[in-house]
Amino acid sequence: MNTTQTEALPPDEAELLTPEQLALRLNVSRRCLGNWTRDRIIPMVKIGRVCRFDLQKVRAALAQYERAASTR
């Protein structure tokens, strides 16, 4: 059976994205992602030279920095 990227993953399997894919999804540069991982703002999986990102965990990490709008 041939699986494609468009098929839905089971809920217990995380979709791991490359830095390029994550940068496109978040609309930031690869350098920005590098800074965020270096500063431990977003989590990363690294095996050897290969870096991957779990989109759900990244979004959860970034949600901690969300601020409410000021109402004056």
N, C-alpha and C. Protein backbone atom coordinates (compact mmCIF):
# COMPACT_ATOMS: atom_id res chain seq x y z
N MET A 1 0.84 -1.17 0.00
CA MET A 1 0.00 0.00 0.00
C MET A 1 0.88 1.23 0.00
N ASN A 2 0.60 2.16 -0.87
CA ASN A 2 1.40 3.36 -1.02
C ASN A 2 0.73 4.50 -0.26
N THR A 3 1.45 5.10 0.69
CA THR A 3 0.87 6.21 1.45
C THR A 3 1.42 7.52 0.92
N THR A 4 0.58 8.54 0.95
CA THR A 4 1.00 9.87 0.52
C THR A 4 0.92 10.82 1.69
N GLN A 5 1.51 11.99 1.53
CA GLN A 5 1.52 12.98 2.61
C GLN A 5 0.14 13.57 2.85
N THR A 6 -0.77 13.45 1.90
CA THR A 6 -2.09 14.05 2.06
C THR A 6 -3.01 13.19 2.92
N GLU A 7 -2.64 11.95 3.18
CA GLU A 7 -3.48 11.09 4.00
C GLU A 7 -3.36 11.51 5.46
N ALA A 8 -4.45 11.36 6.19
CA ALA A 8 -4.46 11.73 7.60
C ALA A 8 -3.70 10.69 8.41
N LEU A 9 -2.94 11.17 9.37
CA LEU A 9 -2.21 10.28 10.26
C LEU A 9 -3.09 9.91 11.44
N PRO A 10 -2.90 8.73 11.99
CA PRO A 10 -3.63 8.40 13.21
C PRO A 10 -3.27 9.39 14.31
N PRO A 11 -4.17 9.64 15.28
CA PRO A 11 -3.93 10.65 16.30
C PRO A 11 -2.67 10.40 17.13
N ASP A 12 -2.24 9.14 17.28
CA ASP A 12 -1.08 8.87 18.11
C ASP A 12 0.24 9.03 17.36
N GLU A 13 0.20 9.30 16.06
CA GLU A 13 1.42 9.50 15.28
C GLU A 13 1.61 10.98 14.99
N ALA A 14 2.76 11.52 15.36
CA ALA A 14 3.05 12.91 15.12
C ALA A 14 3.61 13.10 13.71
N GLU A 15 3.23 14.18 13.09
CA GLU A 15 3.79 14.53 11.79
C GLU A 15 5.03 15.36 12.04
N LEU A 16 6.17 14.88 11.61
CA LEU A 16 7.42 15.59 11.81
C LEU A 16 7.75 16.38 10.54
N LEU A 17 8.00 17.67 10.73
CA LEU A 17 8.26 18.56 9.61
C LEU A 17 9.75 18.92 9.54
N THR A 18 10.22 19.17 8.34
CA THR A 18 11.58 19.67 8.16
C THR A 18 11.59 21.15 8.53
N PRO A 19 12.76 21.73 8.76
CA PRO A 19 12.82 23.16 9.05
C PRO A 19 12.18 24.01 7.93
N GLU A 20 12.38 23.62 6.70
CA GLU A 20 11.79 24.36 5.58
C GLU A 20 10.27 24.33 5.63
N GLN A 21 9.72 23.14 5.89
CA GLN A 21 8.27 23.00 5.95
C GLN A 21 7.68 23.81 7.11
N LEU A 22 8.34 23.76 8.27
CA LEU A 22 7.84 24.50 9.42
C LEU A 22 7.94 26.00 9.19
N ALA A 23 9.02 26.45 8.60
CA ALA A 23 9.18 27.88 8.32
C ALA A 23 8.06 28.38 7.41
N LEU A 24 7.71 27.58 6.41
CA LEU A 24 6.61 27.96 5.52
C LEU A 24 5.28 27.99 6.26
N ARG A 25 5.05 27.01 7.12
CA ARG A 25 3.77 26.96 7.86
C ARG A 25 3.63 28.12 8.83
N LEU A 26 4.74 28.52 9.47
CA LEU A 26 4.69 29.60 10.45
C LEU A 26 4.96 30.97 9.84
N ASN A 27 5.32 30.99 8.56
CA ASN A 27 5.63 32.23 7.85
C ASN A 27 6.78 32.98 8.52
N VAL A 28 7.84 32.25 8.83
CA VAL A 28 9.06 32.83 9.38
C VAL A 28 10.25 32.28 8.59
N SER A 29 11.41 32.88 8.80
CA SER A 29 12.60 32.41 8.10
C SER A 29 13.22 31.21 8.82
N ARG A 30 14.08 30.50 8.11
CA ARG A 30 14.82 29.38 8.73
C ARG A 30 15.74 29.90 9.82
N ARG A 31 16.28 31.09 9.64
CA ARG A 31 17.13 31.68 10.67
C ARG A 31 16.34 31.92 11.95
N CYS A 32 15.12 32.38 11.80
CA CYS A 32 14.25 32.59 12.97
C CYS A 32 14.02 31.26 13.70
N LEU A 33 13.75 30.20 12.95
CA LEU A 33 13.58 28.88 13.57
C LEU A 33 14.84 28.45 14.30
N GLY A 34 15.98 28.71 13.68
CA GLY A 34 17.25 28.38 14.32
C GLY A 34 17.43 29.12 15.64
N ASN A 35 17.06 30.39 15.64
CA ASN A 35 17.14 31.18 16.87
C ASN A 35 16.19 30.64 17.94
N TRP A 36 14.97 30.31 17.52
CA TRP A 36 13.99 29.79 18.47
C TRP A 36 14.42 28.46 19.07
N THR A 37 15.02 27.59 18.25
CA THR A 37 15.47 26.30 18.79
C THR A 37 16.70 26.49 19.68
N ARG A 38 17.59 27.36 19.28
CA ARG A 38 18.78 27.64 20.09
C ARG A 38 18.39 28.19 21.46
N ASP A 39 17.37 29.07 21.49
CA ASP A 39 16.90 29.67 22.73
C ASP A 39 15.88 28.80 23.46
N ARG A 40 15.64 27.61 22.91
CA ARG A 40 14.71 26.63 23.49
C ARG A 40 13.28 27.17 23.63
N ILE A 41 12.87 27.94 22.65
CA ILE A 41 11.50 28.44 22.60
C ILE A 41 10.58 27.38 22.01
N ILE A 42 11.07 26.68 20.99
CA ILE A 42 10.29 25.60 20.37
C ILE A 42 11.07 24.29 20.48
N PRO A 43 10.34 23.17 20.62
CA PRO A 43 11.01 21.86 20.72
C PRO A 43 11.42 21.33 19.35
N MET A 44 12.46 20.51 19.35
CA MET A 44 12.99 19.94 18.13
C MET A 44 13.45 18.51 18.41
N VAL A 45 13.33 17.66 17.40
CA VAL A 45 13.87 16.30 17.47
C VAL A 45 15.11 16.29 16.59
N LYS A 46 16.24 15.89 17.15
CA LYS A 46 17.48 15.87 16.36
C LYS A 46 18.16 14.53 16.53
N ILE A 47 18.40 13.88 15.40
CA ILE A 47 19.14 12.62 15.37
C ILE A 47 20.28 12.82 14.37
N GLY A 48 21.49 12.85 14.88
CA GLY A 48 22.62 13.15 14.02
C GLY A 48 22.50 14.57 13.52
N ARG A 49 22.50 14.73 12.20
CA ARG A 49 22.36 16.05 11.60
C ARG A 49 20.93 16.37 11.17
N VAL A 50 20.03 15.43 11.37
CA VAL A 50 18.65 15.59 10.92
C VAL A 50 17.80 16.23 12.02
N CYS A 51 17.18 17.38 11.69
CA CYS A 51 16.30 18.08 12.62
C CYS A 51 14.87 18.00 12.11
N ARG A 52 13.96 17.68 13.01
CA ARG A 52 12.54 17.63 12.65
C ARG A 52 11.74 18.29 13.77
N PHE A 53 10.54 18.76 13.42
CA PHE A 53 9.68 19.46 14.36
C PHE A 53 8.30 18.82 14.37
N ASP A 54 7.75 18.63 15.56
CA ASP A 54 6.38 18.16 15.73
C ASP A 54 5.51 19.41 15.77
N LEU A 55 4.67 19.59 14.76
CA LEU A 55 3.88 20.81 14.61
C LEU A 55 2.99 21.07 15.82
N GLN A 56 2.37 20.04 16.36
CA GLN A 56 1.50 20.23 17.53
C GLN A 56 2.28 20.74 18.73
N LYS A 57 3.46 20.19 18.96
CA LYS A 57 4.28 20.62 20.10
C LYS A 57 4.81 22.03 19.89
N VAL A 58 5.16 22.36 18.65
CA VAL A 58 5.63 23.71 18.35
C VAL A 58 4.52 24.72 18.59
N ARG A 59 3.33 24.43 18.11
CA ARG A 59 2.20 25.35 18.33
C ARG A 59 1.88 25.51 19.81
N ALA A 60 1.96 24.42 20.58
CA ALA A 60 1.73 24.50 22.02
C ALA A 60 2.79 25.37 22.70
N ALA A 61 4.04 25.23 22.27
CA ALA A 61 5.12 26.03 22.84
C ALA A 61 4.94 27.50 22.50
N LEU A 62 4.54 27.80 21.28
CA LEU A 62 4.35 29.20 20.88
C LEU A 62 3.12 29.81 21.55
N ALA A 63 2.14 29.00 21.90
CA ALA A 63 0.93 29.51 22.56
C ALA A 63 1.25 30.13 23.91
N GLN A 64 2.35 29.70 24.54
CA GLN A 64 2.74 30.27 25.82
C GLN A 64 3.12 31.75 25.69
N TYR A 65 3.47 32.19 24.48
CA TYR A 65 3.88 33.57 24.25
C TYR A 65 2.76 34.45 23.76
N GLU A 66 1.55 33.90 23.64
CA GLU A 66 0.42 34.65 23.16
C GLU A 66 -0.02 35.64 24.22
N ARG A 67 -0.30 36.88 23.78
CA ARG A 67 -0.75 37.91 24.70
C ARG A 67 -2.12 38.41 24.24
N ALA A 68 -2.93 38.76 25.20
CA ALA A 68 -4.26 39.29 24.88
C ALA A 68 -4.12 40.72 24.36
N ALA A 69 -5.07 41.13 23.54
CA ALA A 69 -5.07 42.49 23.01
C ALA A 69 -5.35 43.49 24.12
N SER A 70 -4.72 44.63 24.03
CA SER A 70 -4.92 45.69 25.02
C SER A 70 -6.19 46.46 24.67
N THR A 71 -7.03 46.69 25.67
CA THR A 71 -8.27 47.44 25.45
C THR A 71 -8.18 48.73 26.26
N ARG A 72 -7.96 49.81 25.56
CA ARG A 72 -7.86 51.11 26.23
C ARG A 72 -8.99 51.99 25.81
